[in-house]
């Protein structure tokens, strides 16, 4: 994660970092990776096979996620194992997903009632 501009207050810096971090959630494949990793560690080939993506594509997303502070990487011989840096990141994504599901359900119910 890039350092904040010295002209910013600590609170402003936190908002900047928060917005930068949330860009991790702006791509469906990064969300899929986040949920697939879950509470464990996964290697690139495992993620690519499970998610139906190419290894270079997965690696590109992992680099973004790691640079934003969402993931940690651990080397194990020639393999790189990725894990979520803080379980609250995955919990936050899950809460947003639950909220969206509720909103979609409410919209569908409203559509059915108007027919």
PDB file of N, CA and C in Angstrom:
ATOM      1  N   UNK A   1       0.849  -1.170   0.000  1.00  0.00           N
ATOM      2  CA  UNK A   1       0.000   0.000   0.000  1.00  0.00           C
ATOM      3  C   UNK A   1       0.897   1.235   0.000  1.00  0.00           C
ATOM      4  N   UNK A   2       0.526   2.198  -0.826  1.00  0.00           N
ATOM      5  CA  UNK A   2       1.329   3.411  -0.931  1.00  0.00           C
ATOM      6  C   UNK A   2       1.108   4.302   0.282  1.00  0.00           C
ATOM      7  N   UNK A   3       2.165   5.016   0.704  1.00  0.00           N
ATOM      8  CA  UNK A   3       2.001   5.935   1.835  1.00  0.00           C
ATOM      9  C   UNK A   3       1.132   7.119   1.441  1.00  0.00           C
ATOM     10  N   UNK A   4       0.507   7.719   2.426  1.00  0.00           N
ATOM     11  CA  UNK A   4      -0.342   8.882   2.186  1.00  0.00           C
ATOM     12  C   UNK A   4       0.494  10.137   2.020  1.00  0.00           C
ATOM     13  N   UNK A   5      -0.089  11.097   1.371  1.00  0.00           N
ATOM     14  CA  UNK A   5       0.501  12.416   1.215  1.00  0.00           C
ATOM     15  C   UNK A   5       0.654  13.054   2.598  1.00  0.00           C
ATOM     16  N   UNK A   6       1.777  13.693   2.850  1.00  0.00           N
ATOM     17  CA  UNK A   6       2.031  14.322   4.155  1.00  0.00           C
ATOM     18  C   UNK A   6       1.077  15.464   4.465  1.00  0.00           C
ATOM     19  N   UNK A   7       0.381  15.988   3.449  1.00  0.00           N
ATOM     20  CA  UNK A   7      -0.553  17.091   3.664  1.00  0.00           C
ATOM     21  C   UNK A   7      -1.880  16.624   4.253  1.00  0.00           C
ATOM     22  N   UNK A   8      -2.074  15.315   4.321  1.00  0.00           N
ATOM     23  CA  UNK A   8      -3.338  14.768   4.809  1.00  0.00           C
ATOM     24  C   UNK A   8      -3.294  14.499   6.303  1.00  0.00           C
ATOM     25  N   UNK A   9      -4.434  14.707   6.941  1.00  0.00           N
ATOM     26  CA  UNK A   9      -4.554  14.337   8.358  1.00  0.00           C
ATOM     27  C   UNK A   9      -4.623  12.813   8.434  1.00  0.00           C
ATOM     28  N   UNK A  10      -4.396  12.243   9.621  1.00  0.00           N
ATOM     29  CA  UNK A  10      -4.516  10.786   9.748  1.00  0.00           C
ATOM     30  C   UNK A  10      -5.891  10.264   9.315  1.00  0.00           C
ATOM     31  N   UNK A  11      -6.956  11.017   9.622  1.00  0.00           N
ATOM     32  CA  UNK A  11      -8.297  10.582   9.231  1.00  0.00           C
ATOM     33  C   UNK A  11      -8.459  10.632   7.715  1.00  0.00           C
ATOM     34  N   UNK A  12      -7.966  11.694   7.081  1.00  0.00           N
ATOM     35  CA  UNK A  12      -8.035  11.784   5.624  1.00  0.00           C
ATOM     36  C   UNK A  12      -7.225  10.665   4.976  1.00  0.00           C
ATOM     37  N   UNK A  13      -6.070  10.381   5.552  1.00  0.00           N
ATOM     38  CA  UNK A  13      -5.223   9.306   5.043  1.00  0.00           C
ATOM     39  C   UNK A  13      -5.961   7.972   5.111  1.00  0.00           C
ATOM     40  N   UNK A  14      -6.672   7.735   6.197  1.00  0.00           N
ATOM     41  CA  UNK A  14      -7.426   6.492   6.346  1.00  0.00           C
ATOM     42  C   UNK A  14      -8.507   6.377   5.278  1.00  0.00           C
ATOM     43  N   UNK A  15      -9.200   7.501   4.980  1.00  0.00           N
ATOM     44  CA  UNK A  15     -10.216   7.467   3.926  1.00  0.00           C
ATOM     45  C   UNK A  15      -9.593   7.158   2.562  1.00  0.00           C
ATOM     46  N   UNK A  16      -8.419   7.736   2.297  1.00  0.00           N
ATOM     47  CA  UNK A  16      -7.723   7.468   1.037  1.00  0.00           C
ATOM     48  C   UNK A  16      -7.364   5.991   0.955  1.00  0.00           C
ATOM     49  N   UNK A  17      -6.788   5.461   2.016  1.00  0.00           N
ATOM     50  CA  UNK A  17      -6.409   4.043   2.022  1.00  0.00           C
ATOM     51  C   UNK A  17      -7.622   3.127   1.918  1.00  0.00           C
ATOM     52  N   UNK A  18      -8.701   3.517   2.583  1.00  0.00           N
ATOM     53  CA  UNK A  18      -9.933   2.738   2.534  1.00  0.00           C
ATOM     54  C   UNK A  18     -10.432   2.657   1.091  1.00  0.00           C
ATOM     55  N   UNK A  19     -10.480   3.795   0.414  1.00  0.00           N
ATOM     56  CA  UNK A  19     -10.941   3.826  -0.979  1.00  0.00           C
ATOM     57  C   UNK A  19     -10.017   3.006  -1.876  1.00  0.00           C
ATOM     58  N   UNK A  20      -8.718   3.122  -1.677  1.00  0.00           N
ATOM     59  CA  UNK A  20      -7.763   2.343  -2.471  1.00  0.00           C
ATOM     60  C   UNK A  20      -7.960   0.852  -2.228  1.00  0.00           C
ATOM     61  N   UNK A  21      -8.135   0.475  -0.979  1.00  0.00           N
ATOM     62  CA  UNK A  21      -8.328  -0.928  -0.637  1.00  0.00           C
ATOM     63  C   UNK A  21      -9.597  -1.483  -1.272  1.00  0.00           C
ATOM     64  N   UNK A  22     -10.658  -0.691  -1.252  1.00  0.00           N
ATOM     65  CA  UNK A  22     -11.942  -1.181  -1.770  1.00  0.00           C
ATOM     66  C   UNK A  22     -11.887  -1.471  -3.261  1.00  0.00           C
ATOM     67  N   UNK A  23     -10.876  -0.985  -3.956  1.00  0.00           N
ATOM     68  CA  UNK A  23     -10.745  -1.328  -5.370  1.00  0.00           C
ATOM     69  C   UNK A  23     -10.510  -2.830  -5.538  1.00  0.00           C
ATOM     70  N   UNK A  24     -10.056  -3.496  -4.481  1.00  0.00           N
ATOM     71  CA  UNK A  24      -9.920  -4.958  -4.520  1.00  0.00           C
ATOM     72  C   UNK A  24     -11.285  -5.583  -4.811  1.00  0.00           C
ATOM     73  N   UNK A  25     -12.340  -4.997  -4.270  1.00  0.00           N
ATOM     74  CA  UNK A  25     -13.682  -5.536  -4.411  1.00  0.00           C
ATOM     75  C   UNK A  25     -14.355  -5.124  -5.717  1.00  0.00           C
ATOM     76  N   UNK A  26     -13.667  -4.365  -6.565  1.00  0.00           N
ATOM     77  CA  UNK A  26     -14.289  -3.840  -7.781  1.00  0.00           C
ATOM     78  C   UNK A  26     -14.220  -4.799  -8.961  1.00  0.00           C
ATOM     79  N   UNK A  27     -13.632  -5.956  -8.779  1.00  0.00           N
ATOM     80  CA  UNK A  27     -13.530  -6.923  -9.862  1.00  0.00           C
ATOM     81  C   UNK A  27     -14.125  -8.252  -9.416  1.00  0.00           C
ATOM     82  N   UNK A  28     -15.058  -8.805 -10.190  1.00  0.00           N
ATOM     83  CA  UNK A  28     -15.697 -10.066  -9.788  1.00  0.00           C
ATOM     84  C   UNK A  28     -14.714 -11.209  -9.572  1.00  0.00           C
ATOM     85  N   UNK A  29     -13.664 -11.279 -10.383  1.00  0.00           N
ATOM     86  CA  UNK A  29     -12.709 -12.376 -10.209  1.00  0.00           C
ATOM     87  C   UNK A  29     -11.903 -12.227  -8.931  1.00  0.00           C
ATOM     88  N   UNK A  30     -11.611 -11.000  -8.516  1.00  0.00           N
ATOM     89  CA  UNK A  30     -10.906 -10.816  -7.243  1.00  0.00           C
ATOM     90  C   UNK A  30     -11.810 -11.225  -6.083  1.00  0.00           C
ATOM     91  N   UNK A  31     -13.096 -10.942  -6.194  1.00  0.00           N
ATOM     92  CA  UNK A  31     -14.031 -11.396  -5.159  1.00  0.00           C
ATOM     93  C   UNK A  31     -14.094 -12.914  -5.121  1.00  0.00           C
ATOM     94  N   UNK A  32     -14.126 -13.543  -6.287  1.00  0.00           N
ATOM     95  CA  UNK A  32     -14.141 -15.003  -6.345  1.00  0.00           C
ATOM     96  C   UNK A  32     -12.886 -15.579  -5.686  1.00  0.00           C
ATOM     97  N   UNK A  33     -11.743 -14.954  -5.964  1.00  0.00           N
ATOM     98  CA  UNK A  33     -10.483 -15.403  -5.355  1.00  0.00           C
ATOM     99  C   UNK A  33     -10.555 -15.255  -3.839  1.00  0.00           C
ATOM    100  N   UNK A  34     -11.051 -14.112  -3.378  1.00  0.00           N
ATOM    101  CA  UNK A  34     -11.151 -13.857  -1.941  1.00  0.00           C
ATOM    102  C   UNK A  34     -11.995 -14.928  -1.250  1.00  0.00           C
ATOM    103  N   UNK A  35     -13.140 -15.265  -1.841  1.00  0.00           N
ATOM    104  CA  UNK A  35     -14.006 -16.275  -1.239  1.00  0.00           C
ATOM    105  C   UNK A  35     -13.414 -17.675  -1.380  1.00  0.00           C
ATOM    106  N   UNK A  36     -12.714 -17.941  -2.473  1.00  0.00           N
ATOM    107  CA  UNK A  36     -12.114 -19.261  -2.657  1.00  0.00           C
ATOM    108  C   UNK A  36     -10.995 -19.508  -1.646  1.00  0.00           C
ATOM    109  N   UNK A  37     -10.175 -18.494  -1.417  1.00  0.00           N
ATOM    110  CA  UNK A  37      -9.087 -18.660  -0.449  1.00  0.00           C
ATOM    111  C   UNK A  37      -9.665 -18.927   0.931  1.00  0.00           C
ATOM    112  N   UNK A  38     -10.728 -18.214   1.271  1.00  0.00           N
ATOM    113  CA  UNK A  38     -11.380 -18.424   2.562  1.00  0.00           C
ATOM    114  C   UNK A  38     -10.429 -18.223   3.713  1.00  0.00           C
ATOM    115  N   UNK A  39     -10.386 -19.188   4.606  1.00  0.00           N
ATOM    116  CA  UNK A  39      -9.550 -19.099   5.800  1.00  0.00           C
ATOM    117  C   UNK A  39      -8.232 -19.847   5.634  1.00  0.00           C
ATOM    118  N   UNK A  40      -7.967 -20.345   4.451  1.00  0.00           N
ATOM    119  CA  UNK A  40      -6.763 -21.152   4.255  1.00  0.00           C
ATOM    120  C   UNK A  40      -5.742 -20.485   3.359  1.00  0.00           C
ATOM    121  N   UNK A  41      -4.858 -21.306   2.850  1.00  0.00           N
ATOM    122  CA  UNK A  41      -3.837 -20.867   1.905  1.00  0.00           C
ATOM    123  C   UNK A  41      -4.064 -21.603   0.594  1.00  0.00           C
ATOM    124  N   UNK A  42      -3.856 -20.914  -0.505  1.00  0.00           N
ATOM    125  CA  UNK A  42      -4.032 -21.517  -1.822  1.00  0.00           C
ATOM    126  C   UNK A  42      -2.911 -21.069  -2.746  1.00  0.00           C
ATOM    127  N   UNK A  43      -2.534 -21.949  -3.661  1.00  0.00           N
ATOM    128  CA  UNK A  43      -1.518 -21.594  -4.658  1.00  0.00           C
ATOM    129  C   UNK A  43      -2.219 -21.165  -5.946  1.00  0.00           C
ATOM    130  N   UNK A  44      -1.469 -20.520  -6.820  1.00  0.00           N
ATOM    131  CA  UNK A  44      -2.018 -19.969  -8.054  1.00  0.00           C
ATOM    132  C   UNK A  44      -2.657 -21.059  -8.914  1.00  0.00           C
ATOM    133  N   UNK A  45      -1.981 -22.187  -9.079  1.00  0.00           N
ATOM    134  CA  UNK A  45      -2.516 -23.239  -9.948  1.00  0.00           C
ATOM    135  C   UNK A  45      -3.836 -23.786  -9.419  1.00  0.00           C
ATOM    136  N   UNK A  46      -3.942 -23.907  -8.109  1.00  0.00           N
ATOM    137  CA  UNK A  46      -5.178 -24.383  -7.482  1.00  0.00           C
ATOM    138  C   UNK A  46      -6.327 -23.401  -7.756  1.00  0.00           C
ATOM    139  N   UNK A  47      -6.037 -22.106  -7.598  1.00  0.00           N
ATOM    140  CA  UNK A  47      -7.062 -21.088  -7.842  1.00  0.00           C
ATOM    141  C   UNK A  47      -7.475 -21.070  -9.306  1.00  0.00           C
ATOM    142  N   UNK A  48      -6.497 -21.137 -10.200  1.00  0.00           N
ATOM    143  CA  UNK A  48      -6.788 -21.104 -11.634  1.00  0.00           C
ATOM    144  C   UNK A  48      -7.687 -22.277 -12.022  1.00  0.00           C
ATOM    145  N   UNK A  49      -7.351 -23.468 -11.555  1.00  0.00           N
ATOM    146  CA  UNK A  49      -8.131 -24.654 -11.901  1.00  0.00           C
ATOM    147  C   UNK A  49      -9.553 -24.564 -11.353  1.00  0.00           C
ATOM    148  N   UNK A  50      -9.694 -24.175 -10.113  1.00  0.00           N
ATOM    149  CA  UNK A  50     -11.010 -24.119  -9.475  1.00  0.00           C
ATOM    150  C   UNK A  50     -11.891 -23.016 -10.061  1.00  0.00           C
ATOM    151  N   UNK A  51     -11.281 -21.871 -10.381  1.00  0.00           N
ATOM    152  CA  UNK A  51     -12.053 -20.713 -10.832  1.00  0.00           C
ATOM    153  C   UNK A  51     -12.184 -20.636 -12.350  1.00  0.00           C
ATOM    154  N   UNK A  52     -11.506 -21.532 -13.067  1.00  0.00           N
ATOM    155  CA  UNK A  52     -11.595 -21.528 -14.520  1.00  0.00           C
ATOM    156  C   UNK A  52     -10.907 -20.338 -15.166  1.00  0.00           C
ATOM    157  N   UNK A  53      -9.828 -19.874 -14.548  1.00  0.00           N
ATOM    158  CA  UNK A  53      -9.057 -18.746 -15.067  1.00  0.00           C
ATOM    159  C   UNK A  53      -7.661 -19.224 -15.430  1.00  0.00           C
ATOM    160  N   UNK A  54      -6.973 -18.459 -16.245  1.00  0.00           N
ATOM    161  CA  UNK A  54      -5.589 -18.815 -16.557  1.00  0.00           C
ATOM    162  C   UNK A  54      -4.699 -18.431 -15.378  1.00  0.00           C
ATOM    163  N   UNK A  55      -3.566 -19.090 -15.271  1.00  0.00           N
ATOM    164  CA  UNK A  55      -2.634 -18.761 -14.183  1.00  0.00           C
ATOM    165  C   UNK A  55      -2.139 -17.319 -14.287  1.00  0.00           C
ATOM    166  N   UNK A  56      -1.807 -16.798 -15.489  1.00  0.00           N
ATOM    167  CA  UNK A  56      -1.403 -15.393 -15.561  1.00  0.00           C
ATOM    168  C   UNK A  56      -2.507 -14.429 -15.110  1.00  0.00           C
ATOM    169  N   UNK A  57      -3.755 -14.773 -15.436  1.00  0.00           N
ATOM    170  CA  UNK A  57      -4.876 -13.932 -15.025  1.00  0.00           C
ATOM    171  C   UNK A  57      -5.007 -13.921 -13.499  1.00  0.00           C
ATOM    172  N   UNK A  58      -4.933 -15.088 -12.898  1.00  0.00           N
ATOM    173  CA  UNK A  58      -4.999 -15.184 -11.432  1.00  0.00           C
ATOM    174  C   UNK A  58      -3.827 -14.427 -10.813  1.00  0.00           C
ATOM    175  N   UNK A  59      -2.638 -14.618 -11.346  1.00  0.00           N
ATOM    176  CA  UNK A  59      -1.448 -13.946 -10.807  1.00  0.00           C
ATOM    177  C   UNK A  59      -1.594 -12.426 -10.845  1.00  0.00           C
ATOM    178  N   UNK A  60      -2.166 -11.930 -11.933  1.00  0.00           N
ATOM    179  CA  UNK A  60      -2.380 -10.480 -12.054  1.00  0.00           C
ATOM    180  C   UNK A  60      -3.310  -9.979 -10.946  1.00  0.00           C
ATOM    181  N   UNK A  61      -4.405 -10.700 -10.709  1.00  0.00           N
ATOM    182  CA  UNK A  61      -5.337 -10.306  -9.647  1.00  0.00           C
ATOM    183  C   UNK A  61      -4.685 -10.425  -8.267  1.00  0.00           C
ATOM    184  N   UNK A  62      -3.926 -11.468  -8.053  1.00  0.00           N
ATOM    185  CA  UNK A  62      -3.255 -11.658  -6.772  1.00  0.00           C
ATOM    186  C   UNK A  62      -2.273 -10.522  -6.497  1.00  0.00           C
ATOM    187  N   UNK A  63      -1.597 -10.063  -7.531  1.00  0.00           N
ATOM    188  CA  UNK A  63      -0.647  -8.955  -7.364  1.00  0.00           C
ATOM    189  C   UNK A  63      -1.374  -7.691  -6.894  1.00  0.00           C
ATOM    190  N   UNK A  64      -2.525  -7.403  -7.514  1.00  0.00           N
ATOM    191  CA  UNK A  64      -3.324  -6.240  -7.103  1.00  0.00           C
ATOM    192  C   UNK A  64      -3.759  -6.396  -5.653  1.00  0.00           C
ATOM    193  N   UNK A  65      -4.268  -7.573  -5.326  1.00  0.00           N
ATOM    194  CA  UNK A  65      -4.769  -7.816  -3.974  1.00  0.00           C
ATOM    195  C   UNK A  65      -3.653  -7.736  -2.934  1.00  0.00           C
ATOM    196  N   UNK A  66      -2.493  -8.245  -3.274  1.00  0.00           N
ATOM    197  CA  UNK A  66      -1.340  -8.187  -2.366  1.00  0.00           C
ATOM    198  C   UNK A  66      -0.861  -6.747  -2.214  1.00  0.00           C
ATOM    199  N   UNK A  67      -0.784  -6.003  -3.319  1.00  0.00           N
ATOM    200  CA  UNK A  67      -0.324  -4.611  -3.268  1.00  0.00           C
ATOM    201  C   UNK A  67      -1.249  -3.724  -2.442  1.00  0.00           C
ATOM    202  N   UNK A  68      -2.529  -4.050  -2.409  1.00  0.00           N
ATOM    203  CA  UNK A  68      -3.497  -3.272  -1.627  1.00  0.00           C
ATOM    204  C   UNK A  68      -3.547  -3.711  -0.171  1.00  0.00           C
ATOM    205  N   UNK A  69      -2.835  -4.775   0.173  1.00  0.00           N
ATOM    206  CA  UNK A  69      -2.784  -5.236   1.565  1.00  0.00           C
ATOM    207  C   UNK A  69      -3.833  -6.271   1.911  1.00  0.00           C
ATOM    208  N   UNK A  70      -4.542  -6.789   0.920  1.00  0.00           N
ATOM    209  CA  UNK A  70      -5.611  -7.757   1.169  1.00  0.00           C
ATOM    210  C   UNK A  70      -5.073  -9.162   1.418  1.00  0.00           C
ATOM    211  N   UNK A  71      -3.945  -9.498   0.785  1.00  0.00           N
ATOM    212  CA  UNK A  71      -3.387 -10.841   0.874  1.00  0.00           C
ATOM    213  C   UNK A  71      -1.947 -10.824   1.356  1.00  0.00           C
ATOM    214  N   UNK A  72      -1.562 -11.900   1.997  1.00  0.00           N
ATOM    215  CA  UNK A  72      -0.165 -12.194   2.311  1.00  0.00           C
ATOM    216  C   UNK A  72       0.257 -13.356   1.431  1.00  0.00           C
ATOM    217  N   UNK A  73       1.522 -13.391   1.113  1.00  0.00           N
ATOM    218  CA  UNK A  73       2.060 -14.506   0.334  1.00  0.00           C
ATOM    219  C   UNK A  73       3.182 -15.148   1.126  1.00  0.00           C
ATOM    220  N   UNK A  74       3.221 -16.475   1.068  1.00  0.00           N
ATOM    221  CA  UNK A  74       4.276 -17.240   1.741  1.00  0.00           C
ATOM    222  C   UNK A  74       4.892 -18.161   0.713  1.00  0.00           C
ATOM    223  N   UNK A  75       6.207 -18.144   0.648  1.00  0.00           N
ATOM    224  CA  UNK A  75       6.919 -19.028  -0.282  1.00  0.00           C
ATOM    225  C   UNK A  75       7.126 -20.383   0.374  1.00  0.00           C
ATOM    226  N   UNK A  76       6.882 -21.416  -0.407  1.00  0.00           N
ATOM    227  CA  UNK A  76       7.118 -22.790   0.039  1.00  0.00           C
ATOM    228  C   UNK A  76       7.820 -23.498  -1.111  1.00  0.00           C
ATOM    229  N   UNK A  77       9.131 -23.458  -1.084  1.00  0.00           N
ATOM    230  CA  UNK A  77       9.899 -23.985  -2.209  1.00  0.00           C
ATOM    231  C   UNK A  77       9.655 -23.122  -3.426  1.00  0.00           C
ATOM    232  N   UNK A  78       9.178 -23.740  -4.493  1.00  0.00           N
ATOM    233  CA  UNK A  78       8.897 -22.995  -5.719  1.00  0.00           C
ATOM    234  C   UNK A  78       7.469 -22.461  -5.756  1.00  0.00           C
ATOM    235  N   UNK A  79       6.673 -22.843  -4.796  1.00  0.00           N
ATOM    236  CA  UNK A  79       5.271 -22.415  -4.761  1.00  0.00           C
ATOM    237  C   UNK A  79       5.093 -21.159  -3.921  1.00  0.00           C
ATOM    238  N   UNK A  80       4.094 -20.378  -4.299  1.00  0.00           N
ATOM    239  CA  UNK A  80       3.673 -19.224  -3.516  1.00  0.00           C
ATOM    240  C   UNK A  80       2.268 -19.521  -3.008  1.00  0.00           C
ATOM    241  N   UNK A  81       2.101 -19.432  -1.708  1.00  0.00           N
ATOM    242  CA  UNK A  81       0.800 -19.700  -1.090  1.00  0.00           C
ATOM    243  C   UNK A  81       0.214 -18.383  -0.596  1.00  0.00           C
ATOM    244  N   UNK A  82      -1.020 -18.121  -0.991  1.00  0.00           N
ATOM    245  CA  UNK A  82      -1.682 -16.858  -0.656  1.00  0.00           C
ATOM    246  C   UNK A  82      -2.744 -17.099   0.406  1.00  0.00           C
ATOM    247  N   UNK A  83      -2.869 -16.113   1.304  1.00  0.00           N
ATOM    248  CA  UNK A  83      -3.930 -16.158   2.312  1.00  0.00           C
ATOM    249  C   UNK A  83      -4.434 -14.738   2.550  1.00  0.00           C
ATOM    250  N   UNK A  84      -5.641 -14.633   3.051  1.00  0.00           N
ATOM    251  CA  UNK A  84      -6.233 -13.329   3.347  1.00  0.00           C
ATOM    252  C   UNK A  84      -5.482 -12.725   4.543  1.00  0.00           C
ATOM    253  N   UNK A  85      -5.092 -11.469   4.411  1.00  0.00           N
ATOM    254  CA  UNK A  85      -4.275 -10.809   5.430  1.00  0.00           C
ATOM    255  C   UNK A  85      -5.021 -10.624   6.746  1.00  0.00           C
ATOM    256  N   UNK A  86      -6.324 -10.414   6.673  1.00  0.00           N
ATOM    257  CA  UNK A  86      -7.122 -10.210   7.879  1.00  0.00           C
ATOM    258  C   UNK A  86      -8.508 -10.790   7.600  1.00  0.00           C
ATOM    259  N   UNK A  87      -9.018 -11.664   8.461  1.00  0.00           N
ATOM    260  CA  UNK A  87     -10.329 -12.277   8.192  1.00  0.00           C
ATOM    261  C   UNK A  87     -11.456 -11.255   8.067  1.00  0.00           C
ATOM    262  N   UNK A  88     -11.269 -10.072   8.616  1.00  0.00           N
ATOM    263  CA  UNK A  88     -12.312  -9.040   8.515  1.00  0.00           C
ATOM    264  C   UNK A  88     -12.507  -8.576   7.080  1.00  0.00           C
ATOM    265  N   UNK A  89     -11.482  -8.700   6.240  1.00  0.00           N
ATOM    266  CA  UNK A  89     -11.620  -8.316   4.837  1.00  0.00           C
ATOM    267  C   UNK A  89     -12.635  -9.221   4.138  1.00  0.00           C
ATOM    268  N   UNK A  90     -12.533 -10.503   4.387  1.00  0.00           N
ATOM    269  CA  UNK A  90     -13.483 -11.454   3.792  1.00  0.00           C
ATOM    270  C   UNK A  90     -14.868 -11.273   4.416  1.00  0.00           C
ATOM    271  N   UNK A  91     -14.914 -10.999   5.712  1.00  0.00           N
ATOM    272  CA  UNK A  91     -16.195 -10.766   6.388  1.00  0.00           C
ATOM    273  C   UNK A  91     -16.891  -9.540   5.805  1.00  0.00           C
ATOM    274  N   UNK A  92     -16.117  -8.501   5.510  1.00  0.00           N
ATOM    275  CA  UNK A  92     -16.692  -7.283   4.921  1.00  0.00           C
ATOM    276  C   UNK A  92     -17.304  -7.593   3.562  1.00  0.00           C
ATOM    277  N   UNK A  93     -16.595  -8.349   2.745  1.00  0.00           N
ATOM    278  CA  UNK A  93     -17.113  -8.728   1.428  1.00  0.00           C
ATOM    279  C   UNK A  93     -18.368  -9.584   1.587  1.00  0.00           C
ATOM    280  N   UNK A  94     -18.382 -10.465   2.575  1.00  0.00           N
ATOM    281  CA  UNK A  94     -19.550 -11.318   2.812  1.00  0.00           C
ATOM    282  C   UNK A  94     -20.752 -10.485   3.258  1.00  0.00           C
ATOM    283  N   UNK A  95     -20.525  -9.472   4.076  1.00  0.00           N
ATOM    284  CA  UNK A  95     -21.625  -8.604   4.516  1.00  0.00           C
ATOM    285  C   UNK A  95     -22.215  -7.830   3.347  1.00  0.00           C
ATOM    286  N   UNK A  96     -21.369  -7.311   2.486  1.00  0.00           N
ATOM    287  CA  UNK A  96     -21.861  -6.598   1.305  1.00  0.00           C
ATOM    288  C   UNK A  96     -22.671  -7.556   0.438  1.00  0.00           C
ATOM    289  N   UNK A  97     -22.166  -8.761   0.270  1.00  0.00           N
ATOM    290  CA  UNK A  97     -22.862  -9.772  -0.540  1.00  0.00           C
ATOM    291  C   UNK A  97     -24.230 -10.094   0.066  1.00  0.00           C
ATOM    292  N   UNK A  98     -24.297 -10.265   1.382  1.00  0.00           N
ATOM    293  CA  UNK A  98     -25.579 -10.532   2.051  1.00  0.00           C
ATOM    294  C   UNK A  98     -26.548  -9.376   1.843  1.00  0.00           C
ATOM    295  N   UNK A  99     -26.050  -8.155   1.984  1.00  0.00           N
ATOM    296  CA  UNK A  99     -26.895  -6.973   1.773  1.00  0.00           C
ATOM    297  C   UNK A  99     -27.436  -6.918   0.353  1.00  0.00           C
ATOM    298  N   UNK A 100     -26.596  -7.248  -0.620  1.00  0.00           N
ATOM    299  CA  UNK A 100     -27.041  -7.269  -2.008  1.00  0.00           C
ATOM    300  C   UNK A 100     -28.084  -8.350  -2.252  1.00  0.00           C
ATOM    301  N   UNK A 101     -27.894  -9.507  -1.660  1.00  0.00           N
ATOM    302  CA  UNK A 101     -28.880 -10.593  -1.783  1.00  0.00           C
ATOM    303  C   UNK A 101     -30.230 -10.155  -1.226  1.00  0.00           C
ATOM    304  N   UNK A 102     -30.216  -9.491  -0.076  1.00  0.00           N
ATOM    305  CA  UNK A 102     -31.459  -9.005   0.530  1.00  0.00           C
ATOM    306  C   UNK A 102     -32.123  -7.967  -0.373  1.00  0.00           C
ATOM    307  N   UNK A 103     -31.330  -7.073  -0.930  1.00  0.00           N
ATOM    308  CA  UNK A 103     -31.858  -6.047  -1.823  1.00  0.00           C
ATOM    309  C   UNK A 103     -32.464  -6.670  -3.079  1.00  0.00           C
ATOM    310  N   UNK A 104     -31.793  -7.659  -3.642  1.00  0.00           N
ATOM    311  CA  UNK A 104     -32.302  -8.348  -4.829  1.00  0.00           C
ATOM    312  C   UNK A 104     -33.602  -9.080  -4.513  1.00  0.00           C
ATOM    313  N   UNK A 105     -33.657  -9.704  -3.329  1.00  0.00           N
ATOM    314  CA  UNK A 105     -34.867 -10.409  -2.910  1.00  0.00           C
ATOM    315  C   UNK A 105     -36.032  -9.415  -2.748  1.00  0.00           C
ATOM    316  N   UNK A 106     -35.754  -8.264  -2.131  1.00  0.00           N
ATOM    317  CA  UNK A 106     -36.794  -7.246  -1.935  1.00  0.00           C
ATOM    318  C   UNK A 106     -37.293  -6.711  -3.271  1.00  0.00           C
ATOM    319  N   UNK A 107     -36.365  -6.503  -4.211  1.00  0.00           N
ATOM    320  CA  UNK A 107     -36.752  -6.017  -5.542  1.00  0.00           C
ATOM    321  C   UNK A 107     -37.624  -7.029  -6.252  1.00  0.00           C
ATOM    322  N   UNK A 108     -37.254  -8.304  -6.150  1.00  0.00           N
ATOM    323  CA  UNK A 108     -38.045  -9.357  -6.799  1.00  0.00           C
ATOM    324  C   UNK A 108     -39.433  -9.436  -6.182  1.00  0.00           C
ATOM    325  N   UNK A 109     -39.517  -9.307  -4.861  1.00  0.00           N
ATOM    326  CA  UNK A 109     -40.824  -9.337  -4.187  1.00  0.00           C
ATOM    327  C   UNK A 109     -41.672  -8.145  -4.606  1.00  0.00           C
ATOM    328  N   UNK A 110     -41.070  -6.985  -4.718  1.00  0.00           N
ATOM    329  CA  UNK A 110     -41.810  -5.793  -5.150  1.00  0.00           C
ATOM    330  C   UNK A 110     -42.308  -5.943  -6.567  1.00  0.00           C
ATOM    331  N   UNK A 111     -41.502  -6.560  -7.433  1.00  0.00           N
ATOM    332  CA  UNK A 111     -41.921  -6.793  -8.827  1.00  0.00           C
ATOM    333  C   UNK A 111     -43.106  -7.762  -8.868  1.00  0.00           C
ATOM    334  N   UNK A 112     -43.036  -8.801  -8.024  1.00  0.00           N
ATOM    335  CA  UNK A 112     -44.122  -9.797  -8.004  1.00  0.00           C
ATOM    336  C   UNK A 112     -45.420  -9.189  -7.474  1.00  0.00           C
ATOM    337  N   UNK A 113     -45.317  -8.270  -6.512  1.00  0.00           N
ATOM    338  CA  UNK A 113     -46.494  -7.641  -5.944  1.00  0.00           C
ATOM    339  C   UNK A 113     -47.144  -6.663  -6.915  1.00  0.00           C
ATOM    340  N   UNK A 114     -46.342  -6.076  -7.791  1.00  0.00           N
ATOM    341  CA  UNK A 114     -46.887  -5.089  -8.737  1.00  0.00           C
ATOM    342  C   UNK A 114     -47.550  -5.749  -9.953  1.00  0.00           C
ATOM    343  N   UNK A 115     -47.395  -7.037 -10.104  1.00  0.00           N
ATOM    344  CA  UNK A 115     -47.997  -7.747 -11.257  1.00  0.00           C
ATOM    345  C   UNK A 115     -49.425  -8.109 -11.016  1.00  0.00           C
TER     346      UNK A 115
END
